[in-house]
Amino acid sequence: MSHKKPEIKFKYLFNYGYNPTYVNGAQGGFSPRGEMVINFYLERQPLPEAICHEITPEGAIGQETSVEPSDLAKTMVRFIDTGVVMSHENARVFHAWVKS
């Protein structure tokens, strides 16, 4: 007579708006309660707020004359859309899962 081990089934329910997000970095640390806080971001070049061009005598768009903000070329954006907070124990389990 074989004894079947107890088991449990987890059903996954997804929020209607569920949409996986690409990330290429993370920043975080620990909260005062010892929970791990991870903020995921997408690092990219910023988009300008405005660009001005001269108008040629023919009425066409000519050369770029200015960009707002003026330091656009020296700036990077880290867009944070998602963050995770987990207990120390869950962080250990997550680490083991990622390592495997």
PDB file of N, CA and C in Angstrom:
ATOM      1  N   MET A   1       0.838  -1.173   0.000  1.00  0.00           N
ATOM      2  CA  MET A   1       0.000   0.000   0.000  1.00  0.00           C
ATOM      3  C   MET A   1       0.888   1.242   0.000  1.00  0.00           C
ATOM      4  N   SER A   2       0.730   2.065  -1.017  1.00  0.00           N
ATOM      5  CA  SER A   2       1.572   3.253  -1.106  1.00  0.00           C
ATOM      6  C   SER A   2       0.884   4.432  -0.423  1.00  0.00           C
ATOM      7  N   HIS A   3       1.704   5.218   0.257  1.00  0.00           N
ATOM      8  CA  HIS A   3       1.179   6.407   0.932  1.00  0.00           C
ATOM      9  C   HIS A   3       1.526   7.620   0.085  1.00  0.00           C
ATOM     10  N   LYS A   4       0.500   8.301  -0.342  1.00  0.00           N
ATOM     11  CA  LYS A   4       0.715   9.516  -1.128  1.00  0.00           C
ATOM     12  C   LYS A   4       1.038  10.666  -0.182  1.00  0.00           C
ATOM     13  N   LYS A   5       2.093  11.422  -0.513  1.00  0.00           N
ATOM     14  CA  LYS A   5       2.465  12.578   0.301  1.00  0.00           C
ATOM     15  C   LYS A   5       1.400  13.660   0.154  1.00  0.00           C
ATOM     16  N   PRO A   6       1.153  14.392   1.231  1.00  0.00           N
ATOM     17  CA  PRO A   6       0.193  15.497   1.110  1.00  0.00           C
ATOM     18  C   PRO A   6       0.701  16.521   0.096  1.00  0.00           C
ATOM     19  N   GLU A   7      -0.213  17.136  -0.591  1.00  0.00           N
ATOM     20  CA  GLU A   7       0.185  18.162  -1.554  1.00  0.00           C
ATOM     21  C   GLU A   7      -0.806  19.304  -1.521  1.00  0.00           C
ATOM     22  N   ILE A   8      -0.374  20.405  -2.080  1.00  0.00           N
ATOM     23  CA  ILE A   8      -1.224  21.589  -2.171  1.00  0.00           C
ATOM     24  C   ILE A   8      -1.068  22.169  -3.568  1.00  0.00           C
ATOM     25  N   LYS A   9      -2.148  22.649  -4.123  1.00  0.00           N
ATOM     26  CA  LYS A   9      -2.124  23.271  -5.442  1.00  0.00           C
ATOM     27  C   LYS A   9      -2.285  24.777  -5.266  1.00  0.00           C
ATOM     28  N   PHE A  10      -1.412  25.556  -5.916  1.00  0.00           N
ATOM     29  CA  PHE A  10      -1.523  27.013  -5.913  1.00  0.00           C
ATOM     30  C   PHE A  10      -2.078  27.441  -7.263  1.00  0.00           C
ATOM     31  N   LYS A  11      -3.150  28.188  -7.257  1.00  0.00           N
ATOM     32  CA  LYS A  11      -3.702  28.742  -8.482  1.00  0.00           C
ATOM     33  C   LYS A  11      -3.247  30.187  -8.569  1.00  0.00           C
ATOM     34  N   TYR A  12      -2.813  30.608  -9.727  1.00  0.00           N
ATOM     35  CA  TYR A  12      -2.303  31.954  -9.938  1.00  0.00           C
ATOM     36  C   TYR A  12      -3.398  32.825 -10.530  1.00  0.00           C
ATOM     37  N   LEU A  13      -3.677  33.921  -9.853  1.00  0.00           N
ATOM     38  CA  LEU A  13      -4.639  34.902 -10.324  1.00  0.00           C
ATOM     39  C   LEU A  13      -3.882  36.157 -10.707  1.00  0.00           C
ATOM     40  N   PHE A  14      -4.155  36.665 -11.870  1.00  0.00           N
ATOM     41  CA  PHE A  14      -3.458  37.840 -12.375  1.00  0.00           C
ATOM     42  C   PHE A  14      -4.397  39.034 -12.401  1.00  0.00           C
ATOM     43  N   ASN A  15      -3.892  40.163 -11.948  1.00  0.00           N
ATOM     44  CA  ASN A  15      -4.608  41.417 -12.052  1.00  0.00           C
ATOM     45  C   ASN A  15      -4.878  41.670 -13.536  1.00  0.00           C
ATOM     46  N   TYR A  16      -6.046  42.241 -13.853  1.00  0.00           N
ATOM     47  CA  TYR A  16      -6.398  42.513 -15.245  1.00  0.00           C
ATOM     48  C   TYR A  16      -5.324  43.340 -15.945  1.00  0.00           C
ATOM     49  N   GLY A  17      -4.703  44.246 -15.225  1.00  0.00           N
ATOM     50  CA  GLY A  17      -3.683  45.107 -15.807  1.00  0.00           C
ATOM     51  C   GLY A  17      -2.281  44.515 -15.783  1.00  0.00           C
ATOM     52  N   TYR A  18      -2.138  43.223 -15.434  1.00  0.00           N
ATOM     53  CA  TYR A  18      -0.814  42.604 -15.355  1.00  0.00           C
ATOM     54  C   TYR A  18      -0.087  42.761 -16.680  1.00  0.00           C
ATOM     55  N   ASN A  19       1.121  43.310 -16.600  1.00  0.00           N
ATOM     56  CA  ASN A  19       1.928  43.521 -17.789  1.00  0.00           C
ATOM     57  C   ASN A  19       3.387  43.506 -17.364  1.00  0.00           C
ATOM     58  N   PRO A  20       4.117  42.411 -17.621  1.00  0.00           N
ATOM     59  CA  PRO A  20       5.518  42.354 -17.202  1.00  0.00           C
ATOM     60  C   PRO A  20       6.300  43.551 -17.741  1.00  0.00           C
ATOM     61  N   THR A  21       7.230  44.022 -16.932  1.00  0.00           N
ATOM     62  CA  THR A  21       8.020  45.194 -17.264  1.00  0.00           C
ATOM     63  C   THR A  21       9.485  44.821 -17.377  1.00  0.00           C
ATOM     64  N   TYR A  22      10.151  45.294 -18.414  1.00  0.00           N
ATOM     65  CA  TYR A  22      11.585  45.071 -18.564  1.00  0.00           C
ATOM     66  C   TYR A  22      12.324  46.005 -17.621  1.00  0.00           C
ATOM     67  N   VAL A  23      13.285  45.477 -16.881  1.00  0.00           N
ATOM     68  CA  VAL A  23      14.141  46.293 -16.028  1.00  0.00           C
ATOM     69  C   VAL A  23      15.589  45.935 -16.320  1.00  0.00           C
ATOM     70  N   ASN A  24      16.486  46.903 -16.111  1.00  0.00           N
ATOM     71  CA  ASN A  24      17.903  46.602 -16.310  1.00  0.00           C
ATOM     72  C   ASN A  24      18.738  47.049 -15.116  1.00  0.00           C
ATOM     73  N   GLY A  25      18.054  47.290 -13.985  1.00  0.00           N
ATOM     74  CA  GLY A  25      18.784  47.649 -12.784  1.00  0.00           C
ATOM     75  C   GLY A  25      17.873  47.669 -11.577  1.00  0.00           C
ATOM     76  N   ALA A  26      18.492  47.754 -10.406  1.00  0.00           N
ATOM     77  CA  ALA A  26      17.740  47.816  -9.160  1.00  0.00           C
ATOM     78  C   ALA A  26      18.533  48.607  -8.128  1.00  0.00           C
ATOM     79  N   GLN A  27      17.812  49.225  -7.228  1.00  0.00           N
ATOM     80  CA  GLN A  27      18.405  49.985  -6.126  1.00  0.00           C
ATOM     81  C   GLN A  27      17.577  49.660  -4.899  1.00  0.00           C
ATOM     82  N   GLY A  28      18.205  49.574  -3.755  1.00  0.00           N
ATOM     83  CA  GLY A  28      17.434  49.286  -2.553  1.00  0.00           C
ATOM     84  C   GLY A  28      18.285  49.175  -1.327  1.00  0.00           C
ATOM     85  N   GLY A  29      17.721  48.562  -0.341  1.00  0.00           N
ATOM     86  CA  GLY A  29      18.385  48.384   0.947  1.00  0.00           C
ATOM     87  C   GLY A  29      17.421  47.724   1.911  1.00  0.00           C
ATOM     88  N   PHE A  30      17.610  48.001   3.200  1.00  0.00           N
ATOM     89  CA  PHE A  30      16.756  47.404   4.218  1.00  0.00           C
ATOM     90  C   PHE A  30      15.980  48.482   4.946  1.00  0.00           C
ATOM     91  N   SER A  31      14.730  48.190   5.247  1.00  0.00           N
ATOM     92  CA  SER A  31      13.880  49.114   5.990  1.00  0.00           C
ATOM     93  C   SER A  31      14.237  49.045   7.472  1.00  0.00           C
ATOM     94  N   PRO A  32      13.743  49.983   8.264  1.00  0.00           N
ATOM     95  CA  PRO A  32      13.992  49.930   9.708  1.00  0.00           C
ATOM     96  C   PRO A  32      13.476  48.639  10.353  1.00  0.00           C
ATOM     97  N   ARG A  33      12.544  47.967   9.707  1.00  0.00           N
ATOM     98  CA  ARG A  33      12.007  46.697  10.224  1.00  0.00           C
ATOM     99  C   ARG A  33      12.804  45.498   9.740  1.00  0.00           C
ATOM    100  N   GLY A  34      13.874  45.744   9.002  1.00  0.00           N
ATOM    101  CA  GLY A  34      14.708  44.651   8.509  1.00  0.00           C
ATOM    102  C   GLY A  34      14.205  44.008   7.231  1.00  0.00           C
ATOM    103  N   GLU A  35      13.203  44.614   6.602  1.00  0.00           N
ATOM    104  CA  GLU A  35      12.682  44.075   5.348  1.00  0.00           C
ATOM    105  C   GLU A  35      13.526  44.575   4.186  1.00  0.00           C
ATOM    106  N   MET A  36      13.681  43.738   3.191  1.00  0.00           N
ATOM    107  CA  MET A  36      14.447  44.113   2.006  1.00  0.00           C
ATOM    108  C   MET A  36      13.547  44.927   1.082  1.00  0.00           C
ATOM    109  N   VAL A  37      14.037  46.081   0.663  1.00  0.00           N
ATOM    110  CA  VAL A  37      13.302  46.962  -0.245  1.00  0.00           C
ATOM    111  C   VAL A  37      14.101  47.040  -1.543  1.00  0.00           C
ATOM    112  N   ILE A  38      13.464  46.652  -2.655  1.00  0.00           N
ATOM    113  CA  ILE A  38      14.126  46.658  -3.960  1.00  0.00           C
ATOM    114  C   ILE A  38      13.270  47.477  -4.918  1.00  0.00           C
ATOM    115  N   ASN A  39      13.859  48.501  -5.517  1.00  0.00           N
ATOM    116  CA  ASN A  39      13.180  49.305  -6.527  1.00  0.00           C
ATOM    117  C   ASN A  39      13.821  49.002  -7.875  1.00  0.00           C
ATOM    118  N   PHE A  40      13.026  48.484  -8.789  1.00  0.00           N
ATOM    119  CA  PHE A  40      13.527  48.122 -10.110  1.00  0.00           C
ATOM    120  C   PHE A  40      13.366  49.301 -11.059  1.00  0.00           C
ATOM    121  N   TYR A  41      14.372  49.498 -11.902  1.00  0.00           N
ATOM    122  CA  TYR A  41      14.298  50.633 -12.822  1.00  0.00           C
ATOM    123  C   TYR A  41      14.754  50.235 -14.231  1.00  0.00           C
ATOM    124  N   LEU A  42      14.339  51.066 -15.173  1.00  0.00           N
ATOM    125  CA  LEU A  42      14.810  51.001 -16.552  1.00  0.00           C
ATOM    126  C   LEU A  42      15.686  52.225 -16.747  1.00  0.00           C
ATOM    127  N   GLU A  43      16.955  52.003 -17.017  1.00  0.00           N
ATOM    128  CA  GLU A  43      17.902  53.093 -17.215  1.00  0.00           C
ATOM    129  C   GLU A  43      17.982  53.399 -18.705  1.00  0.00           C
ATOM    130  N   ARG A  44      17.814  54.672 -19.030  1.00  0.00           N
ATOM    131  CA  ARG A  44      17.815  55.070 -20.441  1.00  0.00           C
ATOM    132  C   ARG A  44      18.187  56.540 -20.562  1.00  0.00           C
ATOM    133  N   GLN A  45      18.427  56.955 -21.789  1.00  0.00           N
ATOM    134  CA  GLN A  45      18.646  58.365 -22.057  1.00  0.00           C
ATOM    135  C   GLN A  45      17.306  59.081 -21.939  1.00  0.00           C
ATOM    136  N   PRO A  46      17.300  60.311 -21.442  1.00  0.00           N
ATOM    137  CA  PRO A  46      16.030  61.027 -21.291  1.00  0.00           C
ATOM    138  C   PRO A  46      15.510  61.548 -22.627  1.00  0.00           C
ATOM    139  N   LEU A  47      14.225  61.816 -22.642  1.00  0.00           N
ATOM    140  CA  LEU A  47      13.614  62.476 -23.792  1.00  0.00           C
ATOM    141  C   LEU A  47      13.597  63.974 -23.509  1.00  0.00           C
ATOM    142  N   PRO A  48      13.761  64.792 -24.526  1.00  0.00           N
ATOM    143  CA  PRO A  48      13.754  66.236 -24.294  1.00  0.00           C
ATOM    144  C   PRO A  48      12.346  66.719 -23.943  1.00  0.00           C
ATOM    145  N   GLU A  49      12.305  67.825 -23.186  1.00  0.00           N
ATOM    146  CA  GLU A  49      11.025  68.485 -22.924  1.00  0.00           C
ATOM    147  C   GLU A  49      10.625  69.318 -24.133  1.00  0.00           C
ATOM    148  N   ALA A  50      11.624  69.870 -24.812  1.00  0.00           N
ATOM    149  CA  ALA A  50      11.372  70.672 -26.014  1.00  0.00           C
ATOM    150  C   ALA A  50      12.652  70.770 -26.831  1.00  0.00           C
ATOM    151  N   ILE A  51      12.489  70.897 -28.132  1.00  0.00           N
ATOM    152  CA  ILE A  51      13.605  71.116 -29.060  1.00  0.00           C
ATOM    153  C   ILE A  51      13.190  72.246 -29.999  1.00  0.00           C
ATOM    154  N   CYS A  52      14.080  73.208 -30.214  1.00  0.00           N
ATOM    155  CA  CYS A  52      13.807  74.302 -31.160  1.00  0.00           C
ATOM    156  C   CYS A  52      14.655  74.102 -32.419  1.00  0.00           C
ATOM    157  N   HIS A  53      14.052  74.385 -33.553  1.00  0.00           N
ATOM    158  CA  HIS A  53      14.735  74.315 -34.851  1.00  0.00           C
ATOM    159  C   HIS A  53      14.542  75.640 -35.566  1.00  0.00           C
ATOM    160  N   GLU A  54      15.505  75.979 -36.381  1.00  0.00           N
ATOM    161  CA  GLU A  54      15.317  77.160 -37.236  1.00  0.00           C
ATOM    162  C   GLU A  54      14.420  76.763 -38.404  1.00  0.00           C
ATOM    163  N   ILE A  55      13.811  77.733 -38.977  1.00  0.00           N
ATOM    164  CA  ILE A  55      12.982  77.520 -40.167  1.00  0.00           C
ATOM    165  C   ILE A  55      13.771  78.043 -41.365  1.00  0.00           C
ATOM    166  N   THR A  56      13.912  77.209 -42.378  1.00  0.00           N
ATOM    167  CA  THR A  56      14.672  77.597 -43.571  1.00  0.00           C
ATOM    168  C   THR A  56      13.858  78.603 -44.403  1.00  0.00           C
ATOM    169  N   PRO A  57      14.523  79.317 -45.302  1.00  0.00           N
ATOM    170  CA  PRO A  57      13.794  80.261 -46.169  1.00  0.00           C
ATOM    171  C   PRO A  57      12.674  79.592 -46.965  1.00  0.00           C
ATOM    172  N   GLU A  58      12.811  78.284 -47.177  1.00  0.00           N
ATOM    173  CA  GLU A  58      11.764  77.565 -47.922  1.00  0.00           C
ATOM    174  C   GLU A  58      10.601  77.150 -47.018  1.00  0.00           C
ATOM    175  N   GLY A  59      10.735  77.406 -45.709  1.00  0.00           N
ATOM    176  CA  GLY A  59       9.666  77.054 -44.777  1.00  0.00           C
ATOM    177  C   GLY A  59       9.797  75.665 -44.174  1.00  0.00           C
ATOM    178  N   ALA A  60      10.939  75.006 -44.397  1.00  0.00           N
ATOM    179  CA  ALA A  60      11.157  73.654 -43.853  1.00  0.00           C
ATOM    180  C   ALA A  60      11.831  73.747 -42.484  1.00  0.00           C
ATOM    181  N   ILE A  61      11.834  72.654 -41.788  1.00  0.00           N
ATOM    182  CA  ILE A  61      12.522  72.601 -40.499  1.00  0.00           C
ATOM    183  C   ILE A  61      14.008  72.496 -40.752  1.00  0.00           C
ATOM    184  N   GLY A  62      14.763  73.401 -40.135  1.00  0.00           N
ATOM    185  CA  GLY A  62      16.211  73.443 -40.314  1.00  0.00           C
ATOM    186  C   GLY A  62      16.951  72.853 -39.128  1.00  0.00           C
ATOM    187  N   GLN A  63      18.136  73.377 -38.885  1.00  0.00           N
ATOM    188  CA  GLN A  63      18.995  72.858 -37.830  1.00  0.00           C
ATOM    189  C   GLN A  63      18.405  73.094 -36.446  1.00  0.00           C
ATOM    190  N   GLU A  64      18.766  72.186 -35.542  1.00  0.00           N
ATOM    191  CA  GLU A  64      18.369  72.332 -34.141  1.00  0.00           C
ATOM    192  C   GLU A  64      19.115  73.514 -33.544  1.00  0.00           C
ATOM    193  N   THR A  65      18.394  74.359 -32.805  1.00  0.00           N
ATOM    194  CA  THR A  65      19.027  75.540 -32.205  1.00  0.00           C
ATOM    195  C   THR A  65      19.142  75.439 -30.687  1.00  0.00           C
ATOM    196  N   SER A  66      18.243  74.711 -30.045  1.00  0.00           N
ATOM    197  CA  SER A  66      18.338  74.529 -28.594  1.00  0.00           C
ATOM    198  C   SER A  66      17.508  73.332 -28.150  1.00  0.00           C
ATOM    199  N   VAL A  67      17.873  72.833 -26.955  1.00  0.00           N
ATOM    200  CA  VAL A  67      17.185  71.691 -26.358  1.00  0.00           C
ATOM    201  C   VAL A  67      16.897  72.025 -24.904  1.00  0.00           C
ATOM    202  N   GLU A  68      15.724  71.642 -24.423  1.00  0.00           N
ATOM    203  CA  GLU A  68      15.383  71.779 -23.000  1.00  0.00           C
ATOM    204  C   GLU A  68      15.208  70.387 -22.419  1.00  0.00           C
ATOM    205  N   PRO A  69      15.800  70.108 -21.295  1.00  0.00           N
ATOM    206  CA  PRO A  69      16.731  70.935 -20.541  1.00  0.00           C
ATOM    207  C   PRO A  69      18.090  70.989 -21.228  1.00  0.00           C
ATOM    208  N   SER A  70      18.862  72.014 -20.895  1.00  0.00           N
ATOM    209  CA  SER A  70      20.136  72.232 -21.582  1.00  0.00           C
ATOM    210  C   SER A  70      21.168  71.147 -21.279  1.00  0.00           C
ATOM    211  N   ASP A  71      21.041  70.438 -20.153  1.00  0.00           N
ATOM    212  CA  ASP A  71      22.007  69.374 -19.800  1.00  0.00           C
ATOM    213  C   ASP A  71      21.534  67.989 -20.251  1.00  0.00           C
ATOM    214  N   LEU A  72      20.634  67.933 -21.204  1.00  0.00           N
ATOM    215  CA  LEU A  72      20.051  66.669 -21.662  1.00  0.00           C
ATOM    216  C   LEU A  72      21.110  65.646 -22.059  1.00  0.00           C
ATOM    217  N   ALA A  73      22.144  66.073 -22.774  1.00  0.00           N
ATOM    218  CA  ALA A  73      23.177  65.147 -23.267  1.00  0.00           C
ATOM    219  C   ALA A  73      24.012  64.553 -22.134  1.00  0.00           C
ATOM    220  N   LYS A  74      24.004  65.175 -20.956  1.00  0.00           N
ATOM    221  CA  LYS A  74      24.801  64.695 -19.819  1.00  0.00           C
ATOM    222  C   LYS A  74      23.929  64.032 -18.755  1.00  0.00           C
ATOM    223  N   THR A  75      22.710  63.652 -19.115  1.00  0.00           N
ATOM    224  CA  THR A  75      21.755  63.131 -18.144  1.00  0.00           C
ATOM    225  C   THR A  75      21.304  61.725 -18.536  1.00  0.00           C
ATOM    226  N   MET A  76      21.071  60.899 -17.514  1.00  0.00           N
ATOM    227  CA  MET A  76      20.447  59.592 -17.706  1.00  0.00           C
ATOM    228  C   MET A  76      19.208  59.547 -16.820  1.00  0.00           C
ATOM    229  N   VAL A  77      18.230  58.764 -17.218  1.00  0.00           N
ATOM    230  CA  VAL A  77      16.995  58.601 -16.470  1.00  0.00           C
ATOM    231  C   VAL A  77      16.939  57.184 -15.935  1.00  0.00           C
ATOM    232  N   ARG A  78      16.545  57.041 -14.681  1.00  0.00           N
ATOM    233  CA  ARG A  78      16.240  55.733 -14.102  1.00  0.00           C
ATOM    234  C   ARG A  78      14.753  55.756 -13.768  1.00  0.00           C
ATOM    235  N   PHE A  79      13.964  55.187 -14.660  1.00  0.00           N
ATOM    236  CA  PHE A  79      12.508  55.178 -14.500  1.00  0.00           C
ATOM    237  C   PHE A  79      12.115  54.018 -13.604  1.00  0.00           C
ATOM    238  N   ILE A  80      11.563  54.338 -12.439  1.00  0.00           N
ATOM    239  CA  ILE A  80      11.168  53.316 -11.475  1.00  0.00           C
ATOM    240  C   ILE A  80       9.663  53.115 -11.580  1.00  0.00           C
ATOM    241  N   ASP A  81       9.257  51.888 -11.936  1.00  0.00           N
ATOM    242  CA  ASP A  81       7.845  51.567 -12.085  1.00  0.00           C
ATOM    243  C   ASP A  81       7.402  50.520 -11.071  1.00  0.00           C
ATOM    244  N   THR A  82       8.358  49.742 -10.563  1.00  0.00           N
ATOM    245  CA  THR A  82       8.018  48.624  -9.702  1.00  0.00           C
ATOM    246  C   THR A  82       8.981  48.527  -8.536  1.00  0.00           C
ATOM    247  N   GLY A  83       8.444  48.230  -7.381  1.00  0.00           N
ATOM    248  CA  GLY A  83       9.258  47.990  -6.203  1.00  0.00           C
ATOM    249  C   GLY A  83       8.746  46.763  -5.475  1.00  0.00           C
ATOM    250  N   VAL A  84       9.617  46.142  -4.713  1.00  0.00           N
ATOM    251  CA  VAL A  84       9.269  44.935  -3.963  1.00  0.00           C
ATOM    252  C   VAL A  84       9.786  45.094  -2.544  1.00  0.00           C
ATOM    253  N   VAL A  85       8.976  44.692  -1.585  1.00  0.00           N
ATOM    254  CA  VAL A  85       9.394  44.655  -0.186  1.00  0.00           C
ATOM    255  C   VAL A  85       9.192  43.219   0.280  1.00  0.00           C
ATOM    256  N   MET A  86      10.246  42.642   0.874  1.00  0.00           N
ATOM    257  CA  MET A  86      10.119  41.261   1.351  1.00  0.00           C
ATOM    258  C   MET A  86      10.879  41.076   2.657  1.00  0.00           C
ATOM    259  N   SER A  87      10.451  40.081   3.404  1.00  0.00           N
ATOM    260  CA  SER A  87      11.110  39.768   4.664  1.00  0.00           C
ATOM    261  C   SER A  87      12.504  39.202   4.400  1.00  0.00           C
ATOM    262  N   HIS A  88      13.323  39.202   5.432  1.00  0.00           N
ATOM    263  CA  HIS A  88      14.671  38.641   5.307  1.00  0.00           C
ATOM    264  C   HIS A  88      14.599  37.173   4.883  1.00  0.00           C
ATOM    265  N   GLU A  89      13.692  36.418   5.470  1.00  0.00           N
ATOM    266  CA  GLU A  89      13.551  34.997   5.125  1.00  0.00           C
ATOM    267  C   GLU A  89      13.145  34.829   3.667  1.00  0.00           C
ATOM    268  N   ASN A  90      12.187  35.629   3.193  1.00  0.00           N
ATOM    269  CA  ASN A  90      11.781  35.544   1.786  1.00  0.00           C
ATOM    270  C   ASN A  90      12.918  35.961   0.868  1.00  0.00           C
ATOM    271  N   ALA A  91      13.737  36.933   1.276  1.00  0.00           N
ATOM    272  CA  ALA A  91      14.900  37.331   0.482  1.00  0.00           C
ATOM    273  C   ALA A  91      15.880  36.168   0.365  1.00  0.00           C
ATOM    274  N   ARG A  92      16.079  35.409   1.457  1.00  0.00           N
ATOM    275  CA  ARG A  92      16.968  34.234   1.408  1.00  0.00           C
ATOM    276  C   ARG A  92      16.433  33.187   0.446  1.00  0.00           C
ATOM    277  N   VAL A  93      15.134  32.929   0.504  1.00  0.00           N
ATOM    278  CA  VAL A  93      14.510  31.957  -0.398  1.00  0.00           C
ATOM    279  C   VAL A  93      14.624  32.430  -1.843  1.00  0.00           C
ATOM    280  N   PHE A  94      14.383  33.710  -2.083  1.00  0.00           N
ATOM    281  CA  PHE A  94      14.503  34.277  -3.422  1.00  0.00           C
ATOM    282  C   PHE A  94      15.935  34.140  -3.937  1.00  0.00           C
ATOM    283  N   HIS A  95      16.905  34.430  -3.083  1.00  0.00           N
ATOM    284  CA  HIS A  95      18.312  34.295  -3.463  1.00  0.00           C
ATOM    285  C   HIS A  95      18.628  32.857  -3.842  1.00  0.00           C
ATOM    286  N   ALA A  96      18.165  31.910  -3.060  1.00  0.00           N
ATOM    287  CA  ALA A  96      18.396  30.483  -3.372  1.00  0.00           C
ATOM    288  C   ALA A  96      17.760  30.108  -4.694  1.00  0.00           C
ATOM    289  N   TRP A  97      16.573  30.646  -4.964  1.00  0.00           N
ATOM    290  CA  TRP A  97      15.873  30.347  -6.214  1.00  0.00           C
ATOM    291  C   TRP A  97      16.647  30.922  -7.404  1.00  0.00           C
ATOM    292  N   VAL A  98      17.128  32.155  -7.293  1.00  0.00           N
ATOM    293  CA  VAL A  98      17.879  32.788  -8.378  1.00  0.00           C
ATOM    294  C   VAL A  98      19.191  32.059  -8.632  1.00  0.00           C
ATOM    295  N   LYS A  99      19.850  31.600  -7.569  1.00  0.00           N
ATOM    296  CA  LYS A  99      21.119  30.893  -7.700  1.00  0.00           C
ATOM    297  C   LYS A  99      20.973  29.528  -8.365  1.00  0.00           C
ATOM    298  N   SER A 100      19.817  28.900  -8.207  1.00  0.00           N
ATOM    299  CA  SER A 100      19.663  27.519  -8.709  1.00  0.00           C
ATOM    300  C   SER A 100      19.531  27.442 -10.208  1.00  0.00           C
TER     301      SER A 100
END
